[in-house]
Amino acid sequence: MKKQQQLTLFLLISASSTAFASGMHAGGHGGDHSMPMAAHWMAPPAEAAKVNPIQRSKDSIAKGAELFQQNCVSCHGSNADGSGMAGKMLDTTPANLVAMSGLHPDGDFAYKIKVGRGSMPAWGSTLNEHQVWHLVNFIQALEKQPVATQEESSDHEHSTNHQHGS
């Protein structure tokens, strides 16, 4: 029930285009934590509300970790903090997934992985549906890791009309 309440709260906040109309954004969306709010994006509410059909388990997280190593490390880095070598060459710093973990619903991550935006490629034609959800389980499991960037997530804000590369 708590997860459903969190999702409802998330959808209410993200549906408001004026909720976070001014200020600076921090909390894992790239290395520059003074980036303007316009650098952030969210999945459409219907996509963000999608429930992960793959139970978060050690097996699923391990499959997601393997997929992450094969497809995502070059931009998001081996620590999933946005510090990958290829990512350093992009105009938009890749998202710090550790800081974002646990703050976005599963459907939001799945949508972003499948559809992509800007410098974040669309993986929907490369990865099957199950692989996408395993990746989501891996990303959400990053929340449990004791990483310094998690402190940055306390002021994590969203708006549906913002964009960034992941």
N, C-alpha and C. Protein backbone atom coordinates (compact mmCIF):
# COMPACT_ATOMS: atom_id res chain seq x y z
N MET A 1 0.82 -1.19 0.00
CA MET A 1 0.00 0.00 0.00
C MET A 1 0.87 1.26 0.00
N LYS A 2 1.96 1.23 0.74
CA LYS A 2 2.84 2.39 0.82
C LYS A 2 3.39 2.75 -0.56
N LYS A 3 3.75 1.75 -1.35
CA LYS A 3 4.29 1.99 -2.69
C LYS A 3 3.24 2.66 -3.56
N GLN A 4 1.98 2.23 -3.44
CA GLN A 4 0.90 2.82 -4.22
C GLN A 4 0.69 4.28 -3.80
N GLN A 5 0.79 4.59 -2.51
CA GLN A 5 0.66 5.95 -2.04
C GLN A 5 1.79 6.82 -2.57
N GLN A 6 3.01 6.27 -2.59
CA GLN A 6 4.15 7.02 -3.12
C GLN A 6 3.95 7.31 -4.59
N LEU A 7 3.46 6.35 -5.35
CA LEU A 7 3.23 6.54 -6.77
C LEU A 7 2.16 7.60 -6.99
N THR A 8 1.09 7.56 -6.21
CA THR A 8 0.03 8.56 -6.33
C THR A 8 0.58 9.95 -6.05
N LEU A 9 1.38 10.08 -5.00
CA LEU A 9 1.99 11.36 -4.67
C LEU A 9 2.90 11.82 -5.80
N PHE A 10 3.70 10.91 -6.33
CA PHE A 10 4.59 11.24 -7.45
C PHE A 10 3.80 11.76 -8.63
N LEU A 11 2.71 11.08 -8.99
CA LEU A 11 1.92 11.47 -10.14
C LEU A 11 1.26 12.83 -9.93
N LEU A 12 0.81 13.11 -8.72
CA LEU A 12 0.23 14.41 -8.43
C LEU A 12 1.26 15.52 -8.58
N ILE A 13 2.45 15.29 -8.05
CA ILE A 13 3.50 16.29 -8.14
C ILE A 13 3.95 16.48 -9.58
N SER A 14 4.18 15.38 -10.28
CA SER A 14 4.69 15.49 -11.65
C SER A 14 3.67 16.06 -12.61
N ALA A 15 2.39 15.93 -12.31
CA ALA A 15 1.36 16.47 -13.18
C ALA A 15 1.26 17.98 -13.11
N SER A 16 1.77 18.56 -12.07
CA SER A 16 1.72 20.00 -11.91
C SER A 16 2.88 20.66 -12.64
N SER A 17 2.59 21.41 -13.68
CA SER A 17 3.66 22.03 -14.45
C SER A 17 4.28 23.21 -13.72
N THR A 18 3.63 23.68 -12.68
CA THR A 18 4.18 24.83 -11.96
C THR A 18 4.79 24.44 -10.62
N ALA A 19 4.75 23.19 -10.28
CA ALA A 19 5.23 22.76 -8.96
C ALA A 19 6.68 23.14 -8.72
N PHE A 20 7.49 23.04 -9.75
CA PHE A 20 8.90 23.34 -9.61
C PHE A 20 9.34 24.28 -10.74
N ALA A 21 8.64 25.37 -10.90
CA ALA A 21 8.85 26.26 -12.05
C ALA A 21 10.12 27.09 -11.95
N SER A 22 10.72 27.18 -10.77
CA SER A 22 11.93 27.99 -10.68
C SER A 22 12.95 27.30 -9.80
N GLY A 23 14.16 27.82 -9.79
CA GLY A 23 15.22 27.28 -8.95
C GLY A 23 16.18 26.42 -9.71
N MET A 24 17.11 25.81 -8.98
CA MET A 24 18.13 24.97 -9.56
C MET A 24 17.81 23.53 -9.23
N HIS A 25 18.36 22.63 -9.99
CA HIS A 25 18.06 21.21 -9.81
C HIS A 25 19.32 20.46 -9.41
N ALA A 26 19.18 19.58 -8.48
CA ALA A 26 20.28 18.71 -8.08
C ALA A 26 19.72 17.32 -7.88
N GLY A 27 20.54 16.39 -7.46
CA GLY A 27 20.03 15.09 -7.10
C GLY A 27 20.24 14.01 -8.12
N GLY A 28 21.34 14.04 -8.85
CA GLY A 28 21.68 12.89 -9.65
C GLY A 28 21.52 13.00 -11.13
N HIS A 29 21.11 14.13 -11.64
CA HIS A 29 20.90 14.24 -13.07
C HIS A 29 22.08 14.89 -13.75
N GLY A 30 23.22 14.28 -13.59
CA GLY A 30 24.43 14.76 -14.23
C GLY A 30 25.40 15.30 -13.21
N GLY A 31 26.62 15.50 -13.63
CA GLY A 31 27.66 15.94 -12.73
C GLY A 31 27.54 17.39 -12.29
N ASP A 32 26.93 18.23 -13.10
CA ASP A 32 26.78 19.64 -12.76
C ASP A 32 25.50 19.81 -11.97
N HIS A 33 25.62 19.90 -10.65
CA HIS A 33 24.44 19.95 -9.80
C HIS A 33 23.87 21.34 -9.67
N SER A 34 24.36 22.29 -10.46
CA SER A 34 23.75 23.60 -10.50
C SER A 34 23.05 23.80 -11.84
N MET A 35 22.75 22.70 -12.53
CA MET A 35 22.12 22.80 -13.85
C MET A 35 20.71 23.36 -13.70
N PRO A 36 20.27 24.12 -14.68
CA PRO A 36 18.92 24.67 -14.62
C PRO A 36 17.88 23.56 -14.64
N MET A 37 16.72 23.85 -14.09
CA MET A 37 15.63 22.88 -14.05
C MET A 37 15.27 22.38 -15.44
N ALA A 38 15.46 23.19 -16.48
CA ALA A 38 15.07 22.80 -17.83
C ALA A 38 15.86 21.59 -18.33
N ALA A 39 16.86 21.15 -17.60
CA ALA A 39 17.67 20.03 -18.03
C ALA A 39 17.11 18.69 -17.57
N HIS A 40 15.93 18.64 -16.95
CA HIS A 40 15.37 17.41 -16.39
C HIS A 40 14.11 17.00 -17.14
N TRP A 41 13.89 15.70 -17.25
CA TRP A 41 12.67 15.21 -17.88
C TRP A 41 12.13 14.00 -17.16
N MET A 42 10.84 13.79 -17.31
CA MET A 42 10.16 12.65 -16.70
C MET A 42 9.34 11.93 -17.76
N ALA A 43 9.10 10.67 -17.54
CA ALA A 43 8.22 9.89 -18.41
C ALA A 43 6.80 10.43 -18.28
N PRO A 44 6.00 10.28 -19.32
CA PRO A 44 4.59 10.65 -19.19
C PRO A 44 3.97 9.89 -18.00
N PRO A 45 3.03 10.49 -17.29
CA PRO A 45 2.46 9.86 -16.10
C PRO A 45 1.95 8.43 -16.32
N ALA A 46 1.33 8.16 -17.44
CA ALA A 46 0.83 6.80 -17.70
C ALA A 46 1.98 5.80 -17.81
N GLU A 47 3.09 6.21 -18.37
CA GLU A 47 4.26 5.34 -18.49
C GLU A 47 4.93 5.16 -17.12
N ALA A 48 5.06 6.25 -16.38
CA ALA A 48 5.68 6.19 -15.06
C ALA A 48 4.89 5.29 -14.11
N ALA A 49 3.59 5.20 -14.32
CA ALA A 49 2.73 4.40 -13.45
C ALA A 49 2.79 2.90 -13.74
N LYS A 50 3.44 2.51 -14.82
CA LYS A 50 3.52 1.09 -15.16
C LYS A 50 4.26 0.32 -14.07
N VAL A 51 3.72 -0.84 -13.74
CA VAL A 51 4.28 -1.69 -12.69
C VAL A 51 5.26 -2.67 -13.31
N ASN A 52 6.38 -2.85 -12.65
CA ASN A 52 7.40 -3.78 -13.10
C ASN A 52 6.88 -5.21 -12.97
N PRO A 53 6.79 -5.94 -14.08
CA PRO A 53 6.29 -7.32 -14.01
C PRO A 53 7.34 -8.32 -13.52
N ILE A 54 8.58 -7.87 -13.40
CA ILE A 54 9.67 -8.74 -12.95
C ILE A 54 9.95 -8.44 -11.48
N GLN A 55 9.75 -9.42 -10.62
CA GLN A 55 9.99 -9.24 -9.20
C GLN A 55 11.46 -8.88 -8.97
N ARG A 56 11.70 -7.90 -8.10
CA ARG A 56 13.07 -7.51 -7.76
C ARG A 56 13.66 -8.62 -6.88
N SER A 57 14.59 -9.36 -7.46
CA SER A 57 15.23 -10.47 -6.77
C SER A 57 16.73 -10.41 -7.05
N LYS A 58 17.49 -11.21 -6.34
CA LYS A 58 18.93 -11.25 -6.59
C LYS A 58 19.22 -11.66 -8.03
N ASP A 59 18.45 -12.61 -8.53
CA ASP A 59 18.64 -13.07 -9.90
C ASP A 59 18.36 -11.96 -10.92
N SER A 60 17.25 -11.26 -10.74
CA SER A 60 16.90 -10.17 -11.65
C SER A 60 17.92 -9.04 -11.58
N ILE A 61 18.33 -8.68 -10.38
CA ILE A 61 19.32 -7.62 -10.20
C ILE A 61 20.64 -8.01 -10.86
N ALA A 62 21.03 -9.27 -10.73
CA ALA A 62 22.26 -9.75 -11.37
C ALA A 62 22.15 -9.69 -12.89
N LYS A 63 20.99 -10.05 -13.42
CA LYS A 63 20.78 -9.95 -14.88
C LYS A 63 20.85 -8.48 -15.31
N GLY A 64 20.24 -7.61 -14.52
CA GLY A 64 20.29 -6.18 -14.82
C GLY A 64 21.70 -5.63 -14.75
N ALA A 65 22.47 -6.10 -13.77
CA ALA A 65 23.87 -5.65 -13.63
C ALA A 65 24.68 -6.05 -14.86
N GLU A 66 24.45 -7.26 -15.35
CA GLU A 66 25.16 -7.74 -16.54
C GLU A 66 24.78 -6.88 -17.75
N LEU A 67 23.49 -6.60 -17.90
CA LEU A 67 23.04 -5.75 -19.01
C LEU A 67 23.61 -4.34 -18.88
N PHE A 68 23.68 -3.85 -17.66
CA PHE A 68 24.24 -2.52 -17.42
C PHE A 68 25.71 -2.48 -17.85
N GLN A 69 26.46 -3.51 -17.48
CA GLN A 69 27.87 -3.59 -17.86
C GLN A 69 28.04 -3.64 -19.39
N GLN A 70 27.15 -4.34 -20.05
CA GLN A 70 27.24 -4.50 -21.51
C GLN A 70 26.80 -3.25 -22.27
N ASN A 71 25.84 -2.51 -21.75
CA ASN A 71 25.21 -1.46 -22.53
C ASN A 71 25.30 -0.04 -21.96
N CYS A 72 25.52 0.10 -20.68
CA CYS A 72 25.34 1.41 -20.04
C CYS A 72 26.60 2.01 -19.44
N VAL A 73 27.57 1.17 -19.11
CA VAL A 73 28.78 1.61 -18.40
C VAL A 73 29.53 2.71 -19.16
N SER A 74 29.58 2.60 -20.47
CA SER A 74 30.38 3.57 -21.23
C SER A 74 29.93 5.00 -20.97
N CYS A 75 28.67 5.23 -20.73
CA CYS A 75 28.17 6.58 -20.45
C CYS A 75 27.92 6.81 -18.96
N HIS A 76 27.23 5.87 -18.31
CA HIS A 76 26.85 6.07 -16.90
C HIS A 76 27.96 5.70 -15.92
N GLY A 77 29.02 5.04 -16.39
CA GLY A 77 30.15 4.69 -15.54
C GLY A 77 29.95 3.40 -14.79
N SER A 78 31.07 2.80 -14.36
CA SER A 78 31.00 1.51 -13.67
C SER A 78 30.33 1.63 -12.31
N ASN A 79 30.29 2.83 -11.74
CA ASN A 79 29.60 3.05 -10.47
C ASN A 79 28.19 3.60 -10.67
N ALA A 80 27.74 3.71 -11.93
CA ALA A 80 26.41 4.22 -12.27
C ALA A 80 26.21 5.66 -11.82
N ASP A 81 27.31 6.40 -11.71
CA ASP A 81 27.24 7.77 -11.21
C ASP A 81 27.35 8.83 -12.31
N GLY A 82 27.25 8.41 -13.57
CA GLY A 82 27.30 9.35 -14.68
C GLY A 82 28.70 9.71 -15.14
N SER A 83 29.70 8.94 -14.71
CA SER A 83 31.09 9.31 -14.98
C SER A 83 31.77 8.42 -16.02
N GLY A 84 31.00 7.81 -16.91
CA GLY A 84 31.59 6.95 -17.93
C GLY A 84 32.43 7.73 -18.94
N MET A 85 33.40 7.08 -19.53
CA MET A 85 34.31 7.74 -20.47
C MET A 85 33.56 8.32 -21.67
N ALA A 86 32.67 7.56 -22.28
CA ALA A 86 31.91 8.07 -23.42
C ALA A 86 30.98 9.20 -22.99
N GLY A 87 30.44 9.10 -21.79
CA GLY A 87 29.54 10.12 -21.27
C GLY A 87 30.22 11.47 -21.11
N LYS A 88 31.51 11.46 -20.86
CA LYS A 88 32.26 12.71 -20.70
C LYS A 88 32.35 13.50 -22.00
N MET A 89 32.11 12.84 -23.12
CA MET A 89 32.17 13.50 -24.42
C MET A 89 30.81 14.04 -24.86
N LEU A 90 29.77 13.77 -24.10
CA LEU A 90 28.43 14.21 -24.47
C LEU A 90 28.17 15.64 -24.01
N ASP A 91 27.25 16.31 -24.69
CA ASP A 91 26.87 17.67 -24.28
C ASP A 91 26.15 17.66 -22.93
N THR A 92 25.35 16.62 -22.69
CA THR A 92 24.62 16.48 -21.43
C THR A 92 25.25 15.37 -20.62
N THR A 93 25.62 15.65 -19.39
CA THR A 93 26.21 14.64 -18.52
C THR A 93 25.19 13.55 -18.24
N PRO A 94 25.56 12.28 -18.41
CA PRO A 94 24.62 11.20 -18.11
C PRO A 94 24.16 11.25 -16.65
N ALA A 95 22.99 10.74 -16.41
CA ALA A 95 22.40 10.77 -15.07
C ALA A 95 23.21 9.95 -14.08
N ASN A 96 23.24 10.43 -12.86
CA ASN A 96 23.79 9.69 -11.74
C ASN A 96 22.67 8.78 -11.24
N LEU A 97 22.71 7.54 -11.68
CA LEU A 97 21.63 6.60 -11.38
C LEU A 97 21.59 6.20 -9.91
N VAL A 98 22.72 6.27 -9.23
CA VAL A 98 22.73 5.96 -7.80
C VAL A 98 21.88 6.99 -7.06
N ALA A 99 22.06 8.26 -7.38
CA ALA A 99 21.29 9.31 -6.72
C ALA A 99 19.82 9.26 -7.10
N MET A 100 19.51 8.81 -8.31
CA MET A 100 18.12 8.74 -8.77
C MET A 100 17.40 7.50 -8.26
N SER A 101 18.15 6.46 -7.92
CA SER A 101 17.58 5.19 -7.50
C SER A 101 16.66 5.37 -6.30
N GLY A 102 15.49 4.76 -6.40
CA GLY A 102 14.53 4.83 -5.31
C GLY A 102 13.69 6.09 -5.32
N LEU A 103 14.02 7.06 -6.18
CA LEU A 103 13.28 8.31 -6.22
C LEU A 103 12.37 8.41 -7.44
N HIS A 104 12.51 7.49 -8.35
CA HIS A 104 11.69 7.43 -9.56
C HIS A 104 10.94 6.10 -9.54
N PRO A 105 9.70 6.08 -10.01
CA PRO A 105 9.00 4.80 -10.10
C PRO A 105 9.62 3.94 -11.20
N ASP A 106 9.42 2.64 -11.11
CA ASP A 106 9.98 1.71 -12.08
C ASP A 106 9.60 2.08 -13.51
N GLY A 107 8.34 2.44 -13.71
CA GLY A 107 7.87 2.78 -15.05
C GLY A 107 8.61 3.95 -15.67
N ASP A 108 9.03 4.91 -14.85
CA ASP A 108 9.79 6.05 -15.35
C ASP A 108 11.12 5.60 -15.92
N PHE A 109 11.83 4.77 -15.16
CA PHE A 109 13.12 4.26 -15.65
C PHE A 109 12.92 3.41 -16.91
N ALA A 110 11.92 2.54 -16.91
CA ALA A 110 11.69 1.67 -18.07
C ALA A 110 11.41 2.49 -19.32
N TYR A 111 10.58 3.50 -19.19
CA TYR A 111 10.27 4.37 -20.33
C TYR A 111 11.53 5.04 -20.87
N LYS A 112 12.34 5.58 -19.99
CA LYS A 112 13.55 6.29 -20.41
C LYS A 112 14.53 5.34 -21.09
N ILE A 113 14.63 4.12 -20.59
CA ILE A 113 15.52 3.13 -21.21
C ILE A 113 15.01 2.78 -22.60
N LYS A 114 13.71 2.53 -22.73
CA LYS A 114 13.14 2.12 -24.01
C LYS A 114 13.14 3.23 -25.05
N VAL A 115 12.76 4.43 -24.66
CA VAL A 115 12.52 5.51 -25.61
C VAL A 115 13.73 6.43 -25.79
N GLY A 116 14.49 6.64 -24.73
CA GLY A 116 15.63 7.54 -24.80
C GLY A 116 15.21 8.98 -25.05
N ARG A 117 16.20 9.87 -25.04
CA ARG A 117 15.95 11.28 -25.32
C ARG A 117 17.28 12.00 -25.34
N GLY A 118 17.46 12.87 -26.30
CA GLY A 118 18.72 13.60 -26.40
C GLY A 118 19.87 12.63 -26.59
N SER A 119 20.87 12.74 -25.74
CA SER A 119 22.04 11.87 -25.87
C SER A 119 21.81 10.48 -25.26
N MET A 120 20.70 10.27 -24.59
CA MET A 120 20.35 8.95 -24.07
C MET A 120 19.70 8.16 -25.21
N PRO A 121 20.38 7.10 -25.69
CA PRO A 121 19.81 6.34 -26.81
C PRO A 121 18.57 5.54 -26.40
N ALA A 122 17.73 5.27 -27.36
CA ALA A 122 16.56 4.41 -27.15
C ALA A 122 17.02 2.96 -27.25
N TRP A 123 16.77 2.19 -26.20
CA TRP A 123 17.19 0.79 -26.16
C TRP A 123 16.04 -0.16 -26.45
N GLY A 124 14.86 0.38 -26.73
CA GLY A 124 13.67 -0.44 -26.93
C GLY A 124 13.75 -1.41 -28.09
N SER A 125 14.56 -1.12 -29.09
CA SER A 125 14.69 -2.04 -30.21
C SER A 125 15.87 -2.99 -30.04
N THR A 126 16.69 -2.73 -29.03
CA THR A 126 17.87 -3.57 -28.75
C THR A 126 17.60 -4.55 -27.62
N LEU A 127 16.94 -4.07 -26.58
CA LEU A 127 16.64 -4.89 -25.40
C LEU A 127 15.18 -5.31 -25.43
N ASN A 128 14.91 -6.55 -25.03
CA ASN A 128 13.52 -6.97 -24.95
C ASN A 128 12.90 -6.44 -23.66
N GLU A 129 11.60 -6.60 -23.54
CA GLU A 129 10.85 -6.06 -22.39
C GLU A 129 11.40 -6.57 -21.05
N HIS A 130 11.71 -7.87 -20.97
CA HIS A 130 12.23 -8.43 -19.73
C HIS A 130 13.60 -7.83 -19.39
N GLN A 131 14.44 -7.65 -20.38
CA GLN A 131 15.76 -7.06 -20.13
C GLN A 131 15.63 -5.64 -19.59
N VAL A 132 14.72 -4.87 -20.13
CA VAL A 132 14.49 -3.51 -19.64
C VAL A 132 14.12 -3.53 -18.17
N TRP A 133 13.19 -4.41 -17.80
CA TRP A 133 12.75 -4.48 -16.40
C TRP A 133 13.85 -5.01 -15.48
N HIS A 134 14.70 -5.91 -15.96
CA HIS A 134 15.85 -6.35 -15.16
C HIS A 134 16.78 -5.16 -14.92
N LEU A 135 17.00 -4.34 -15.93
CA LEU A 135 17.82 -3.14 -15.76
C LEU A 135 17.20 -2.21 -14.72
N VAL A 136 15.90 -2.06 -14.78
CA VAL A 136 15.21 -1.22 -13.79
C VAL A 136 15.44 -1.77 -12.39
N ASN A 137 15.34 -3.08 -12.21
CA ASN A 137 15.58 -3.68 -10.89
C ASN A 137 17.01 -3.41 -10.42
N PHE A 138 17.96 -3.50 -11.34
CA PHE A 138 19.35 -3.19 -10.99
C PHE A 138 19.48 -1.73 -10.56
N ILE A 139 18.92 -0.82 -11.32
CA ILE A 139 19.01 0.61 -11.00
C ILE A 139 18.36 0.89 -9.64
N GLN A 140 17.19 0.33 -9.41
CA GLN A 140 16.50 0.57 -8.13
C GLN A 140 17.29 -0.04 -6.96
N ALA A 141 18.03 -1.10 -7.19
CA ALA A 141 18.84 -1.71 -6.14
C ALA A 141 20.04 -0.84 -5.77
N LEU A 142 20.42 0.07 -6.63
CA LEU A 142 21.55 0.96 -6.33
C LEU A 142 21.28 1.83 -5.11
N GLU A 143 20.02 2.06 -4.81
CA GLU A 143 19.63 2.88 -3.66
C GLU A 143 20.20 2.32 -2.36
N LYS A 144 20.37 1.04 -2.30
CA LYS A 144 20.84 0.39 -1.07
C LYS A 144 22.35 0.51 -0.88
N GLN A 145 23.06 0.99 -1.89
CA GLN A 145 24.51 1.09 -1.81
C GLN A 145 24.92 2.36 -1.08
N PRO A 146 25.89 2.27 -0.16
CA PRO A 146 26.35 3.46 0.56
C PRO A 146 27.30 4.28 -0.31
N VAL A 147 26.74 5.19 -1.09
CA VAL A 147 27.53 6.03 -1.98
C VAL A 147 27.30 7.48 -1.58
N ALA A 148 28.36 8.29 -1.59
CA ALA A 148 28.28 9.69 -1.15
C ALA A 148 27.23 10.47 -1.92
N THR A 149 27.00 10.16 -3.18
CA THR A 149 26.06 10.92 -3.98
C THR A 149 24.62 10.76 -3.51
N GLN A 150 24.33 9.77 -2.67
CA GLN A 150 22.97 9.62 -2.18
C GLN A 150 22.55 10.82 -1.36
N GLU A 151 23.47 11.51 -0.71
CA GLU A 151 23.13 12.70 0.08
C GLU A 151 22.54 13.77 -0.81
N GLU A 152 22.94 13.81 -2.07
CA GLU A 152 22.46 14.80 -3.01
C GLU A 152 20.99 14.59 -3.36
N SER A 153 20.46 13.42 -3.09
CA SER A 153 19.11 13.11 -3.53
C SER A 153 18.03 13.72 -2.65
N SER A 154 18.37 14.34 -1.54
CA SER A 154 17.35 14.87 -0.65
C SER A 154 16.55 16.01 -1.26
N ASP A 155 17.10 16.71 -2.23
CA ASP A 155 16.36 17.79 -2.85
C ASP A 155 15.97 17.46 -4.28
N HIS A 156 15.76 16.21 -4.53
CA HIS A 156 15.44 15.70 -5.86
C HIS A 156 14.03 16.13 -6.26
N GLU A 157 13.90 16.89 -7.34
CA GLU A 157 12.61 17.40 -7.78
C GLU A 157 12.34 17.02 -9.22
N HIS A 158 11.07 17.04 -9.63
CA HIS A 158 10.69 16.64 -10.97
C HIS A 158 9.66 17.57 -11.56
N SER A 159 9.62 17.58 -12.86
CA SER A 159 8.56 18.24 -13.60
C SER A 159 8.43 17.52 -14.93
N THR A 160 7.22 17.38 -15.43
CA THR A 160 7.02 16.62 -16.65
C THR A 160 7.48 17.35 -17.90
N ASN A 161 7.74 18.65 -17.82
CA ASN A 161 8.12 19.38 -19.02
C ASN A 161 9.60 19.69 -19.07
N HIS A 162 10.40 18.91 -18.39
CA HIS A 162 11.84 19.13 -18.40
C HIS A 162 12.52 17.98 -19.12
N GLN A 163 13.77 18.18 -19.48
CA GLN A 163 14.49 17.14 -20.24
C GLN A 163 15.91 17.01 -19.79
N HIS A 164 16.45 15.83 -19.94
CA HIS A 164 17.88 15.58 -19.88
C HIS A 164 18.16 14.27 -20.58
N GLY A 165 19.41 13.97 -20.70
CA GLY A 165 19.80 12.87 -21.55
C GLY A 165 19.53 11.48 -21.04
N SER A 166 18.92 11.29 -19.90
CA SER A 166 18.66 9.92 -19.47
C SER A 166 17.37 9.78 -18.77
